[in-house]
Amino acid sequence: YNDLKKYFREFGERVKVADWYQGLSR
């Protein structure tokens, strides 16, 4: 939850949750 918030703050409103998920480790 915290990691997703940081991701959206860093990359802006146009990114997708799926983009964040794909960038995670296995």
mmCIF file of all heavy atoms, coordinates in Angstrom:
data_MODEL
# 
_entry.id   MODEL 
# 
loop_
_atom_site.group_PDB 
_atom_site.id 
_atom_site.type_symbol 
_atom_site.label_atom_id 
_atom_site.label_alt_id 
_atom_site.label_comp_id 
_atom_site.label_asym_id 
_atom_site.label_entity_id 
_atom_site.label_seq_id 
_atom_site.pdbx_PDB_ins_code 
_atom_site.Cartn_x 
_atom_site.Cartn_y 
_atom_site.Cartn_z 
_atom_site.occupancy 
_atom_site.B_iso_or_equiv 
_atom_site.pdbx_formal_charge 
_atom_site.auth_seq_id 
_atom_site.auth_comp_id 
_atom_site.auth_asym_id 
_atom_site.auth_atom_id 
_atom_site.pdbx_PDB_model_num 
ATOM 1   N N   . TYR A 1 1  ? 0.844  -1.202  0.000   1.00 0.00 ? 1  TYR A N   1 
ATOM 2   C CA  . TYR A 1 1  ? 0.000  0.000   0.000   1.00 0.00 ? 1  TYR A CA  1 
ATOM 3   C C   . TYR A 1 1  ? 0.881  1.255   0.000   1.00 0.00 ? 1  TYR A C   1 
ATOM 4   O O   . TYR A 1 1  ? 0.695  2.161   -0.818  1.00 0.00 ? 1  TYR A O   1 
ATOM 5   C CB  . TYR A 1 1  ? -0.914 -0.053  1.229   1.00 0.00 ? 1  TYR A CB  1 
ATOM 6   C CG  . TYR A 1 1  ? -1.572 1.230   1.628   1.00 0.00 ? 1  TYR A CG  1 
ATOM 7   C CD1 . TYR A 1 1  ? -2.701 1.695   0.969   1.00 0.00 ? 1  TYR A CD1 1 
ATOM 8   C CD2 . TYR A 1 1  ? -1.094 1.968   2.706   1.00 0.00 ? 1  TYR A CD2 1 
ATOM 9   C CE1 . TYR A 1 1  ? -3.329 2.865   1.364   1.00 0.00 ? 1  TYR A CE1 1 
ATOM 10  C CE2 . TYR A 1 1  ? -1.713 3.134   3.101   1.00 0.00 ? 1  TYR A CE2 1 
ATOM 11  C CZ  . TYR A 1 1  ? -2.826 3.577   2.426   1.00 0.00 ? 1  TYR A CZ  1 
ATOM 12  O OH  . TYR A 1 1  ? -3.439 4.740   2.815   1.00 0.00 ? 1  TYR A OH  1 
ATOM 13  N N   . ASN A 1 2  ? 1.857  1.292   0.887   1.00 0.00 ? 2  ASN A N   1 
ATOM 14  C CA  . ASN A 1 2  ? 2.767  2.443   0.954   1.00 0.00 ? 2  ASN A CA  1 
ATOM 15  C C   . ASN A 1 2  ? 3.624  2.558   -0.296  1.00 0.00 ? 2  ASN A C   1 
ATOM 16  O O   . ASN A 1 2  ? 3.867  3.650   -0.799  1.00 0.00 ? 2  ASN A O   1 
ATOM 17  C CB  . ASN A 1 2  ? 3.657  2.350   2.188   1.00 0.00 ? 2  ASN A CB  1 
ATOM 18  C CG  . ASN A 1 2  ? 2.942  2.810   3.426   1.00 0.00 ? 2  ASN A CG  1 
ATOM 19  O OD1 . ASN A 1 2  ? 2.030  3.631   3.349   1.00 0.00 ? 2  ASN A OD1 1 
ATOM 20  N ND2 . ASN A 1 2  ? 3.334  2.281   4.565   1.00 0.00 ? 2  ASN A ND2 1 
ATOM 21  N N   . ASP A 1 3  ? 4.072  1.425   -0.823  1.00 0.00 ? 3  ASP A N   1 
ATOM 22  C CA  . ASP A 1 3  ? 4.882  1.429   -2.032  1.00 0.00 ? 3  ASP A CA  1 
ATOM 23  C C   . ASP A 1 3  ? 4.092  1.969   -3.224  1.00 0.00 ? 3  ASP A C   1 
ATOM 24  O O   . ASP A 1 3  ? 4.616  2.732   -4.033  1.00 0.00 ? 3  ASP A O   1 
ATOM 25  C CB  . ASP A 1 3  ? 5.375  0.008   -2.305  1.00 0.00 ? 3  ASP A CB  1 
ATOM 26  C CG  . ASP A 1 3  ? 6.389  -0.044  -3.421  1.00 0.00 ? 3  ASP A CG  1 
ATOM 27  O OD1 . ASP A 1 3  ? 7.260  0.849   -3.468  1.00 0.00 ? 3  ASP A OD1 1 
ATOM 28  O OD2 . ASP A 1 3  ? 6.306  -0.965  -4.243  1.00 0.00 ? 3  ASP A OD2 1 
ATOM 29  N N   . LEU A 1 4  ? 2.820  1.586   -3.318  1.00 0.00 ? 4  LEU A N   1 
ATOM 30  C CA  . LEU A 1 4  ? 1.975  2.082   -4.412  1.00 0.00 ? 4  LEU A CA  1 
ATOM 31  C C   . LEU A 1 4  ? 1.762  3.593   -4.297  1.00 0.00 ? 4  LEU A C   1 
ATOM 32  O O   . LEU A 1 4  ? 1.819  4.306   -5.299  1.00 0.00 ? 4  LEU A O   1 
ATOM 33  C CB  . LEU A 1 4  ? 0.628  1.352   -4.399  1.00 0.00 ? 4  LEU A CB  1 
ATOM 34  C CG  . LEU A 1 4  ? -0.361 1.741   -5.493  1.00 0.00 ? 4  LEU A CG  1 
ATOM 35  C CD1 . LEU A 1 4  ? 0.209  1.445   -6.873  1.00 0.00 ? 4  LEU A CD1 1 
ATOM 36  C CD2 . LEU A 1 4  ? -1.669 1.005   -5.289  1.00 0.00 ? 4  LEU A CD2 1 
ATOM 37  N N   . LYS A 1 5  ? 1.558  4.094   -3.087  1.00 0.00 ? 5  LYS A N   1 
ATOM 38  C CA  . LYS A 1 5  ? 1.410  5.541   -2.897  1.00 0.00 ? 5  LYS A CA  1 
ATOM 39  C C   . LYS A 1 5  ? 2.676  6.279   -3.334  1.00 0.00 ? 5  LYS A C   1 
ATOM 40  O O   . LYS A 1 5  ? 2.602  7.290   -4.026  1.00 0.00 ? 5  LYS A O   1 
ATOM 41  C CB  . LYS A 1 5  ? 1.103  5.864   -1.431  1.00 0.00 ? 5  LYS A CB  1 
ATOM 42  C CG  . LYS A 1 5  ? -0.279 5.494   -0.991  1.00 0.00 ? 5  LYS A CG  1 
ATOM 43  C CD  . LYS A 1 5  ? -0.666 6.080   0.343   1.00 0.00 ? 5  LYS A CD  1 
ATOM 44  C CE  . LYS A 1 5  ? 0.366  5.985   1.412   1.00 0.00 ? 5  LYS A CE  1 
ATOM 45  N NZ  . LYS A 1 5  ? -0.061 6.492   2.723   1.00 0.00 ? 5  LYS A NZ  1 
ATOM 46  N N   . LYS A 1 6  ? 3.825  5.764   -2.946  1.00 0.00 ? 6  LYS A N   1 
ATOM 47  C CA  . LYS A 1 6  ? 5.093  6.392   -3.332  1.00 0.00 ? 6  LYS A CA  1 
ATOM 48  C C   . LYS A 1 6  ? 5.263  6.379   -4.849  1.00 0.00 ? 6  LYS A C   1 
ATOM 49  O O   . LYS A 1 6  ? 5.737  7.355   -5.427  1.00 0.00 ? 6  LYS A O   1 
ATOM 50  C CB  . LYS A 1 6  ? 6.263  5.658   -2.679  1.00 0.00 ? 6  LYS A CB  1 
ATOM 51  C CG  . LYS A 1 6  ? 6.370  5.879   -1.205  1.00 0.00 ? 6  LYS A CG  1 
ATOM 52  C CD  . LYS A 1 6  ? 7.503  5.056   -0.641  1.00 0.00 ? 6  LYS A CD  1 
ATOM 53  C CE  . LYS A 1 6  ? 7.505  5.084   0.864   1.00 0.00 ? 6  LYS A CE  1 
ATOM 54  N NZ  . LYS A 1 6  ? 8.542  4.187   1.419   1.00 0.00 ? 6  LYS A NZ  1 
ATOM 55  N N   . TYR A 1 7  ? 4.891  5.287   -5.481  1.00 0.00 ? 7  TYR A N   1 
ATOM 56  C CA  . TYR A 1 7  ? 5.006  5.154   -6.936  1.00 0.00 ? 7  TYR A CA  1 
ATOM 57  C C   . TYR A 1 7  ? 4.159  6.214   -7.632  1.00 0.00 ? 7  TYR A C   1 
ATOM 58  O O   . TYR A 1 7  ? 4.624  6.872   -8.562  1.00 0.00 ? 7  TYR A O   1 
ATOM 59  C CB  . TYR A 1 7  ? 4.566  3.747   -7.345  1.00 0.00 ? 7  TYR A CB  1 
ATOM 60  C CG  . TYR A 1 7  ? 4.692  3.459   -8.819  1.00 0.00 ? 7  TYR A CG  1 
ATOM 61  C CD1 . TYR A 1 7  ? 5.910  3.081   -9.366  1.00 0.00 ? 7  TYR A CD1 1 
ATOM 62  C CD2 . TYR A 1 7  ? 3.594  3.549   -9.662  1.00 0.00 ? 7  TYR A CD2 1 
ATOM 63  C CE1 . TYR A 1 7  ? 6.032  2.797   -10.715 1.00 0.00 ? 7  TYR A CE1 1 
ATOM 64  C CE2 . TYR A 1 7  ? 3.706  3.270   -11.017 1.00 0.00 ? 7  TYR A CE2 1 
ATOM 65  C CZ  . TYR A 1 7  ? 4.926  2.896   -11.532 1.00 0.00 ? 7  TYR A CZ  1 
ATOM 66  O OH  . TYR A 1 7  ? 5.033  2.625   -12.870 1.00 0.00 ? 7  TYR A OH  1 
ATOM 67  N N   . PHE A 1 8  ? 2.929  6.408   -7.172  1.00 0.00 ? 8  PHE A N   1 
ATOM 68  C CA  . PHE A 1 8  ? 2.050  7.406   -7.790  1.00 0.00 ? 8  PHE A CA  1 
ATOM 69  C C   . PHE A 1 8  ? 2.547  8.826   -7.524  1.00 0.00 ? 8  PHE A C   1 
ATOM 70  O O   . PHE A 1 8  ? 2.404  9.697   -8.368  1.00 0.00 ? 8  PHE A O   1 
ATOM 71  C CB  . PHE A 1 8  ? 0.608  7.232   -7.307  1.00 0.00 ? 8  PHE A CB  1 
ATOM 72  C CG  . PHE A 1 8  ? -0.203 6.349   -8.201  1.00 0.00 ? 8  PHE A CG  1 
ATOM 73  C CD1 . PHE A 1 8  ? -0.035 4.980   -8.170  1.00 0.00 ? 8  PHE A CD1 1 
ATOM 74  C CD2 . PHE A 1 8  ? -1.123 6.877   -9.088  1.00 0.00 ? 8  PHE A CD2 1 
ATOM 75  C CE1 . PHE A 1 8  ? -0.773 4.155   -8.996  1.00 0.00 ? 8  PHE A CE1 1 
ATOM 76  C CE2 . PHE A 1 8  ? -1.862 6.072   -9.925  1.00 0.00 ? 8  PHE A CE2 1 
ATOM 77  C CZ  . PHE A 1 8  ? -1.681 4.699   -9.880  1.00 0.00 ? 8  PHE A CZ  1 
ATOM 78  N N   . ARG A 1 9  ? 3.123  9.074   -6.354  1.00 0.00 ? 9  ARG A N   1 
ATOM 79  C CA  . ARG A 1 9  ? 3.668  10.399  -6.075  1.00 0.00 ? 9  ARG A CA  1 
ATOM 80  C C   . ARG A 1 9  ? 4.876  10.691  -6.960  1.00 0.00 ? 9  ARG A C   1 
ATOM 81  O O   . ARG A 1 9  ? 5.081  11.800  -7.415  1.00 0.00 ? 9  ARG A O   1 
ATOM 82  C CB  . ARG A 1 9  ? 4.057  10.514  -4.609  1.00 0.00 ? 9  ARG A CB  1 
ATOM 83  C CG  . ARG A 1 9  ? 2.923  10.937  -3.746  1.00 0.00 ? 9  ARG A CG  1 
ATOM 84  C CD  . ARG A 1 9  ? 3.412  11.352  -2.368  1.00 0.00 ? 9  ARG A CD  1 
ATOM 85  N NE  . ARG A 1 9  ? 2.470  10.800  -1.417  1.00 0.00 ? 9  ARG A NE  1 
ATOM 86  C CZ  . ARG A 1 9  ? 2.675  9.730   -0.672  1.00 0.00 ? 9  ARG A CZ  1 
ATOM 87  N NH1 . ARG A 1 9  ? 3.812  9.101   -0.707  1.00 0.00 ? 9  ARG A NH1 1 
ATOM 88  N NH2 . ARG A 1 9  ? 1.756  9.289   0.144   1.00 0.00 ? 9  ARG A NH2 1 
ATOM 89  N N   . GLU A 1 10 ? 5.686  9.662   -7.195  1.00 0.00 ? 10 GLU A N   1 
ATOM 90  C CA  . GLU A 1 10 ? 6.913  9.846   -7.974  1.00 0.00 ? 10 GLU A CA  1 
ATOM 91  C C   . GLU A 1 10 ? 6.647  9.988   -9.469  1.00 0.00 ? 10 GLU A C   1 
ATOM 92  O O   . GLU A 1 10 ? 7.237  10.845  -10.132 1.00 0.00 ? 10 GLU A O   1 
ATOM 93  C CB  . GLU A 1 10 ? 7.847  8.656   -7.743  1.00 0.00 ? 10 GLU A CB  1 
ATOM 94  C CG  . GLU A 1 10 ? 9.172  8.776   -8.441  1.00 0.00 ? 10 GLU A CG  1 
ATOM 95  C CD  . GLU A 1 10 ? 10.099 7.614   -8.134  1.00 0.00 ? 10 GLU A CD  1 
ATOM 96  O OE1 . GLU A 1 10 ? 9.884  6.925   -7.125  1.00 0.00 ? 10 GLU A OE1 1 
ATOM 97  O OE2 . GLU A 1 10 ? 11.037 7.415   -8.911  1.00 0.00 ? 10 GLU A OE2 1 
ATOM 98  N N   . PHE A 1 11 ? 5.740  9.181   -10.014 1.00 0.00 ? 11 PHE A N   1 
ATOM 99  C CA  . PHE A 1 11 ? 5.535  9.156   -11.468 1.00 0.00 ? 11 PHE A CA  1 
ATOM 100 C C   . PHE A 1 11 ? 4.292  9.895   -11.934 1.00 0.00 ? 11 PHE A C   1 
ATOM 101 O O   . PHE A 1 11 ? 4.074  10.023  -13.131 1.00 0.00 ? 11 PHE A O   1 
ATOM 102 C CB  . PHE A 1 11 ? 5.490  7.709   -11.970 1.00 0.00 ? 11 PHE A CB  1 
ATOM 103 C CG  . PHE A 1 11 ? 6.801  7.014   -11.828 1.00 0.00 ? 11 PHE A CG  1 
ATOM 104 C CD1 . PHE A 1 11 ? 7.005  6.082   -10.827 1.00 0.00 ? 11 PHE A CD1 1 
ATOM 105 C CD2 . PHE A 1 11 ? 7.860  7.319   -12.667 1.00 0.00 ? 11 PHE A CD2 1 
ATOM 106 C CE1 . PHE A 1 11 ? 8.218  5.447   -10.681 1.00 0.00 ? 11 PHE A CE1 1 
ATOM 107 C CE2 . PHE A 1 11 ? 9.089  6.685   -12.531 1.00 0.00 ? 11 PHE A CE2 1 
ATOM 108 C CZ  . PHE A 1 11 ? 9.267  5.741   -11.536 1.00 0.00 ? 11 PHE A CZ  1 
ATOM 109 N N   . GLY A 1 12 ? 3.454  10.347  -11.028 1.00 0.00 ? 12 GLY A N   1 
ATOM 110 C CA  . GLY A 1 12 ? 2.308  11.156  -11.410 1.00 0.00 ? 12 GLY A CA  1 
ATOM 111 C C   . GLY A 1 12 ? 1.024  10.370  -11.576 1.00 0.00 ? 12 GLY A C   1 
ATOM 112 O O   . GLY A 1 12 ? 0.961  9.167   -11.357 1.00 0.00 ? 12 GLY A O   1 
ATOM 113 N N   . GLU A 1 13 ? -0.016 11.086  -11.976 1.00 0.00 ? 13 GLU A N   1 
ATOM 114 C CA  . GLU A 1 13 ? -1.363 10.546  -12.040 1.00 0.00 ? 13 GLU A CA  1 
ATOM 115 C C   . GLU A 1 13 ? -1.612 9.661   -13.256 1.00 0.00 ? 13 GLU A C   1 
ATOM 116 O O   . GLU A 1 13 ? -2.602 8.950   -13.303 1.00 0.00 ? 13 GLU A O   1 
ATOM 117 C CB  . GLU A 1 13 ? -2.376 11.703  -12.049 1.00 0.00 ? 13 GLU A CB  1 
ATOM 118 C CG  . GLU A 1 13 ? -2.290 12.602  -10.833 1.00 0.00 ? 13 GLU A CG  1 
ATOM 119 C CD  . GLU A 1 13 ? -2.736 11.906  -9.568  1.00 0.00 ? 13 GLU A CD  1 
ATOM 120 O OE1 . GLU A 1 13 ? -3.718 11.154  -9.629  1.00 0.00 ? 13 GLU A OE1 1 
ATOM 121 O OE2 . GLU A 1 13 ? -2.098 12.111  -8.524  1.00 0.00 ? 13 GLU A OE2 1 
ATOM 122 N N   . ARG A 1 14 ? -0.758 9.718   -14.248 1.00 0.00 ? 14 ARG A N   1 
ATOM 123 C CA  . ARG A 1 14 ? -1.020 8.986   -15.501 1.00 0.00 ? 14 ARG A CA  1 
ATOM 124 C C   . ARG A 1 14 ? -0.598 7.525   -15.465 1.00 0.00 ? 14 ARG A C   1 
ATOM 125 O O   . ARG A 1 14 ? -0.929 6.773   -16.360 1.00 0.00 ? 14 ARG A O   1 
ATOM 126 C CB  . ARG A 1 14 ? -0.317 9.672   -16.661 1.00 0.00 ? 14 ARG A CB  1 
ATOM 127 C CG  . ARG A 1 14 ? -0.880 11.030  -16.930 1.00 0.00 ? 14 ARG A CG  1 
ATOM 128 C CD  . ARG A 1 14 ? -0.251 11.638  -18.137 1.00 0.00 ? 14 ARG A CD  1 
ATOM 129 N NE  . ARG A 1 14 ? -0.779 12.980  -18.318 1.00 0.00 ? 14 ARG A NE  1 
ATOM 130 C CZ  . ARG A 1 14 ? -0.332 13.823  -19.192 1.00 0.00 ? 14 ARG A CZ  1 
ATOM 131 N NH1 . ARG A 1 14 ? 0.666  13.472  -19.978 1.00 0.00 ? 14 ARG A NH1 1 
ATOM 132 N NH2 . ARG A 1 14 ? -0.861 15.018  -19.303 1.00 0.00 ? 14 ARG A NH2 1 
ATOM 133 N N   . VAL A 1 15 ? 0.160  7.125   -14.461 1.00 0.00 ? 15 VAL A N   1 
ATOM 134 C CA  . VAL A 1 15 ? 0.599  5.737   -14.387 1.00 0.00 ? 15 VAL A CA  1 
ATOM 135 C C   . VAL A 1 15 ? -0.561 4.831   -13.981 1.00 0.00 ? 15 VAL A C   1 
ATOM 136 O O   . VAL A 1 15 ? -1.582 5.295   -13.489 1.00 0.00 ? 15 VAL A O   1 
ATOM 137 C CB  . VAL A 1 15 ? 1.782  5.572   -13.410 1.00 0.00 ? 15 VAL A CB  1 
ATOM 138 C CG1 . VAL A 1 15 ? 2.982  6.329   -13.893 1.00 0.00 ? 15 VAL A CG1 1 
ATOM 139 C CG2 . VAL A 1 15 ? 1.397  5.987   -12.016 1.00 0.00 ? 15 VAL A CG2 1 
ATOM 140 N N   . LYS A 1 16 ? -0.392 3.546   -14.186 1.00 0.00 ? 16 LYS A N   1 
ATOM 141 C CA  . LYS A 1 16 ? -1.433 2.573   -13.856 1.00 0.00 ? 16 LYS A CA  1 
ATOM 142 C C   . LYS A 1 16 ? -0.948 1.655   -12.746 1.00 0.00 ? 16 LYS A C   1 
ATOM 143 O O   . LYS A 1 16 ? 0.258  1.452   -12.576 1.00 0.00 ? 16 LYS A O   1 
ATOM 144 C CB  . LYS A 1 16 ? -1.778 1.726   -15.079 1.00 0.00 ? 16 LYS A CB  1 
ATOM 145 C CG  . LYS A 1 16 ? -2.347 2.515   -16.222 1.00 0.00 ? 16 LYS A CG  1 
ATOM 146 C CD  . LYS A 1 16 ? -2.657 1.593   -17.385 1.00 0.00 ? 16 LYS A CD  1 
ATOM 147 C CE  . LYS A 1 16 ? -3.231 2.381   -18.541 1.00 0.00 ? 16 LYS A CE  1 
ATOM 148 N NZ  . LYS A 1 16 ? -3.538 1.485   -19.677 1.00 0.00 ? 16 LYS A NZ  1 
ATOM 149 N N   . VAL A 1 17 ? -1.897 1.092   -12.031 1.00 0.00 ? 17 VAL A N   1 
ATOM 150 C CA  . VAL A 1 17 ? -1.560 0.130   -10.991 1.00 0.00 ? 17 VAL A CA  1 
ATOM 151 C C   . VAL A 1 17 ? -0.873 -1.076  -11.625 1.00 0.00 ? 17 VAL A C   1 
ATOM 152 O O   . VAL A 1 17 ? 0.063  -1.639  -11.057 1.00 0.00 ? 17 VAL A O   1 
ATOM 153 C CB  . VAL A 1 17 ? -2.819 -0.296  -10.197 1.00 0.00 ? 17 VAL A CB  1 
ATOM 154 C CG1 . VAL A 1 17 ? -2.489 -1.369  -9.172  1.00 0.00 ? 17 VAL A CG1 1 
ATOM 155 C CG2 . VAL A 1 17 ? -3.442 0.914   -9.503  1.00 0.00 ? 17 VAL A CG2 1 
ATOM 156 N N   . ALA A 1 18 ? -1.306 -1.464  -12.823 1.00 0.00 ? 18 ALA A N   1 
ATOM 157 C CA  . ALA A 1 18 ? -0.688 -2.598  -13.518 1.00 0.00 ? 18 ALA A CA  1 
ATOM 158 C C   . ALA A 1 18 ? 0.784  -2.325  -13.821 1.00 0.00 ? 18 ALA A C   1 
ATOM 159 O O   . ALA A 1 18 ? 1.611  -3.245  -13.760 1.00 0.00 ? 18 ALA A O   1 
ATOM 160 C CB  . ALA A 1 18 ? -1.447 -2.904  -14.802 1.00 0.00 ? 18 ALA A CB  1 
ATOM 161 N N   . ASP A 1 19 ? 1.135  -1.070  -14.122 1.00 0.00 ? 19 ASP A N   1 
ATOM 162 C CA  . ASP A 1 19 ? 2.542  -0.716  -14.363 1.00 0.00 ? 19 ASP A CA  1 
ATOM 163 C C   . ASP A 1 19 ? 3.363  -0.922  -13.097 1.00 0.00 ? 19 ASP A C   1 
ATOM 164 O O   . ASP A 1 19 ? 4.477  -1.446  -13.136 1.00 0.00 ? 19 ASP A O   1 
ATOM 165 C CB  . ASP A 1 19 ? 2.667  0.735   -14.819 1.00 0.00 ? 19 ASP A CB  1 
ATOM 166 C CG  . ASP A 1 19 ? 1.983  1.005   -16.145 1.00 0.00 ? 19 ASP A CG  1 
ATOM 167 O OD1 . ASP A 1 19 ? 1.810  0.046   -16.936 1.00 0.00 ? 19 ASP A OD1 1 
ATOM 168 O OD2 . ASP A 1 19 ? 1.606  2.167   -16.377 1.00 0.00 ? 19 ASP A OD2 1 
ATOM 169 N N   . TRP A 1 20 ? 2.818  -0.468  -11.975 1.00 0.00 ? 20 TRP A N   1 
ATOM 170 C CA  . TRP A 1 20 ? 3.492  -0.649  -10.691 1.00 0.00 ? 20 TRP A CA  1 
ATOM 171 C C   . TRP A 1 20 ? 3.666  -2.134  -10.399 1.00 0.00 ? 20 TRP A C   1 
ATOM 172 O O   . TRP A 1 20 ? 4.745  -2.572  -9.998  1.00 0.00 ? 20 TRP A O   1 
ATOM 173 C CB  . TRP A 1 20 ? 2.675  0.036   -9.584  1.00 0.00 ? 20 TRP A CB  1 
ATOM 174 C CG  . TRP A 1 20 ? 3.093  -0.348  -8.204  1.00 0.00 ? 20 TRP A CG  1 
ATOM 175 C CD1 . TRP A 1 20 ? 4.159  0.113   -7.506  1.00 0.00 ? 20 TRP A CD1 1 
ATOM 176 C CD2 . TRP A 1 20 ? 2.433  -1.292  -7.351  1.00 0.00 ? 20 TRP A CD2 1 
ATOM 177 N NE1 . TRP A 1 20 ? 4.212  -0.487  -6.269  1.00 0.00 ? 20 TRP A NE1 1 
ATOM 178 C CE2 . TRP A 1 20 ? 3.155  -1.347  -6.155  1.00 0.00 ? 20 TRP A CE2 1 
ATOM 179 C CE3 . TRP A 1 20 ? 1.298  -2.083  -7.483  1.00 0.00 ? 20 TRP A CE3 1 
ATOM 180 C CZ2 . TRP A 1 20 ? 2.783  -2.163  -5.097  1.00 0.00 ? 20 TRP A CZ2 1 
ATOM 181 C CZ3 . TRP A 1 20 ? 0.923  -2.897  -6.429  1.00 0.00 ? 20 TRP A CZ3 1 
ATOM 182 C CH2 . TRP A 1 20 ? 1.668  -2.924  -5.257  1.00 0.00 ? 20 TRP A CH2 1 
ATOM 183 N N   . TYR A 1 21 ? 2.618  -2.922  -10.617 1.00 0.00 ? 21 TYR A N   1 
ATOM 184 C CA  . TYR A 1 21 ? 2.663  -4.359  -10.338 1.00 0.00 ? 21 TYR A CA  1 
ATOM 185 C C   . TYR A 1 21 ? 3.719  -5.058  -11.200 1.00 0.00 ? 21 TYR A C   1 
ATOM 186 O O   . TYR A 1 21 ? 4.462  -5.897  -10.710 1.00 0.00 ? 21 TYR A O   1 
ATOM 187 C CB  . TYR A 1 21 ? 1.283  -4.977  -10.577 1.00 0.00 ? 21 TYR A CB  1 
ATOM 188 C CG  . TYR A 1 21 ? 1.233  -6.454  -10.285 1.00 0.00 ? 21 TYR A CG  1 
ATOM 189 C CD1 . TYR A 1 21 ? 1.126  -6.919  -8.983  1.00 0.00 ? 21 TYR A CD1 1 
ATOM 190 C CD2 . TYR A 1 21 ? 1.301  -7.378  -11.311 1.00 0.00 ? 21 TYR A CD2 1 
ATOM 191 C CE1 . TYR A 1 21 ? 1.097  -8.273  -8.712  1.00 0.00 ? 21 TYR A CE1 1 
ATOM 192 C CE2 . TYR A 1 21 ? 1.270  -8.736  -11.053 1.00 0.00 ? 21 TYR A CE2 1 
ATOM 193 C CZ  . TYR A 1 21 ? 1.158  -9.174  -9.747  1.00 0.00 ? 21 TYR A CZ  1 
ATOM 194 O OH  . TYR A 1 21 ? 1.140  -10.521 -9.487  1.00 0.00 ? 21 TYR A OH  1 
ATOM 195 N N   . GLN A 1 22 ? 3.805  -4.690  -12.479 1.00 0.00 ? 22 GLN A N   1 
ATOM 196 C CA  . GLN A 1 22 ? 4.778  -5.316  -13.375 1.00 0.00 ? 22 GLN A CA  1 
ATOM 197 C C   . GLN A 1 22 ? 6.217  -5.020  -12.958 1.00 0.00 ? 22 GLN A C   1 
ATOM 198 O O   . GLN A 1 22 ? 7.113  -5.809  -13.229 1.00 0.00 ? 22 GLN A O   1 
ATOM 199 C CB  . GLN A 1 22 ? 4.554  -4.853  -14.822 1.00 0.00 ? 22 GLN A CB  1 
ATOM 200 C CG  . GLN A 1 22 ? 3.280  -5.369  -15.428 1.00 0.00 ? 22 GLN A CG  1 
ATOM 201 C CD  . GLN A 1 22 ? 3.207  -6.881  -15.458 1.00 0.00 ? 22 GLN A CD  1 
ATOM 202 O OE1 . GLN A 1 22 ? 4.195  -7.553  -15.708 1.00 0.00 ? 22 GLN A OE1 1 
ATOM 203 N NE2 . GLN A 1 22 ? 2.038  -7.413  -15.181 1.00 0.00 ? 22 GLN A NE2 1 
ATOM 204 N N   . GLY A 1 23 ? 6.442  -3.901  -12.290 1.00 0.00 ? 23 GLY A N   1 
ATOM 205 C CA  . GLY A 1 23 ? 7.778  -3.537  -11.858 1.00 0.00 ? 23 GLY A CA  1 
ATOM 206 C C   . GLY A 1 23 ? 8.236  -4.214  -10.578 1.00 0.00 ? 23 GLY A C   1 
ATOM 207 O O   . GLY A 1 23 ? 9.392  -4.084  -10.187 1.00 0.00 ? 23 GLY A O   1 
ATOM 208 N N   . LEU A 1 24 ? 7.355  -4.964  -9.941  1.00 0.00 ? 24 LEU A N   1 
ATOM 209 C CA  . LEU A 1 24 ? 7.710  -5.643  -8.693  1.00 0.00 ? 24 LEU A CA  1 
ATOM 210 C C   . LEU A 1 24 ? 8.513  -6.906  -8.964  1.00 0.00 ? 24 LEU A C   1 
ATOM 211 O O   . LEU A 1 24 ? 8.441  -7.491  -10.046 1.00 0.00 ? 24 LEU A O   1 
ATOM 212 C CB  . LEU A 1 24 ? 6.444  -6.013  -7.911  1.00 0.00 ? 24 LEU A CB  1 
ATOM 213 C CG  . LEU A 1 24 ? 5.576  -4.861  -7.426  1.00 0.00 ? 24 LEU A CG  1 
ATOM 214 C CD1 . LEU A 1 24 ? 4.311  -5.406  -6.777  1.00 0.00 ? 24 LEU A CD1 1 
ATOM 215 C CD2 . LEU A 1 24 ? 6.328  -3.976  -6.462  1.00 0.00 ? 24 LEU A CD2 1 
ATOM 216 N N   . SER A 1 25 ? 9.243  -7.342  -7.945  1.00 0.00 ? 25 SER A N   1 
ATOM 217 C CA  . SER A 1 25 ? 9.981  -8.594  -8.065  1.00 0.00 ? 25 SER A CA  1 
ATOM 218 C C   . SER A 1 25 ? 9.016  -9.773  -7.977  1.00 0.00 ? 25 SER A C   1 
ATOM 219 O O   . SER A 1 25 ? 7.871  -9.631  -7.550  1.00 0.00 ? 25 SER A O   1 
ATOM 220 C CB  . SER A 1 25 ? 11.031 -8.705  -6.953  1.00 0.00 ? 25 SER A CB  1 
ATOM 221 O OG  . SER A 1 25 ? 10.383 -8.902  -5.709  1.00 0.00 ? 25 SER A OG  1 
ATOM 222 N N   . ARG A 1 26 ? 9.485  -10.926 -8.360  1.00 0.00 ? 26 ARG A N   1 
ATOM 223 C CA  . ARG A 1 26 ? 8.656  -12.133 -8.326  1.00 0.00 ? 26 ARG A CA  1 
ATOM 224 C C   . ARG A 1 26 ? 8.161  -12.430 -6.909  1.00 0.00 ? 26 ARG A C   1 
ATOM 225 O O   . ARG A 1 26 ? 7.004  -12.798 -6.714  1.00 0.00 ? 26 ARG A O   1 
ATOM 226 C CB  . ARG A 1 26 ? 9.447  -13.314 -8.865  1.00 0.00 ? 26 ARG A CB  1 
ATOM 227 C CG  . ARG A 1 26 ? 8.719  -14.626 -8.745  1.00 0.00 ? 26 ARG A CG  1 
ATOM 228 C CD  . ARG A 1 26 ? 9.530  -15.745 -9.275  1.00 0.00 ? 26 ARG A CD  1 
ATOM 229 N NE  . ARG A 1 26 ? 9.094  -15.968 -10.633 1.00 0.00 ? 26 ARG A NE  1 
ATOM 230 C CZ  . ARG A 1 26 ? 9.641  -16.806 -11.452 1.00 0.00 ? 26 ARG A CZ  1 
ATOM 231 N NH1 . ARG A 1 26 ? 10.686 -17.498 -11.085 1.00 0.00 ? 26 ARG A NH1 1 
ATOM 232 N NH2 . ARG A 1 26 ? 9.153  -16.972 -12.668 1.00 0.00 ? 26 ARG A NH2 1 
# 
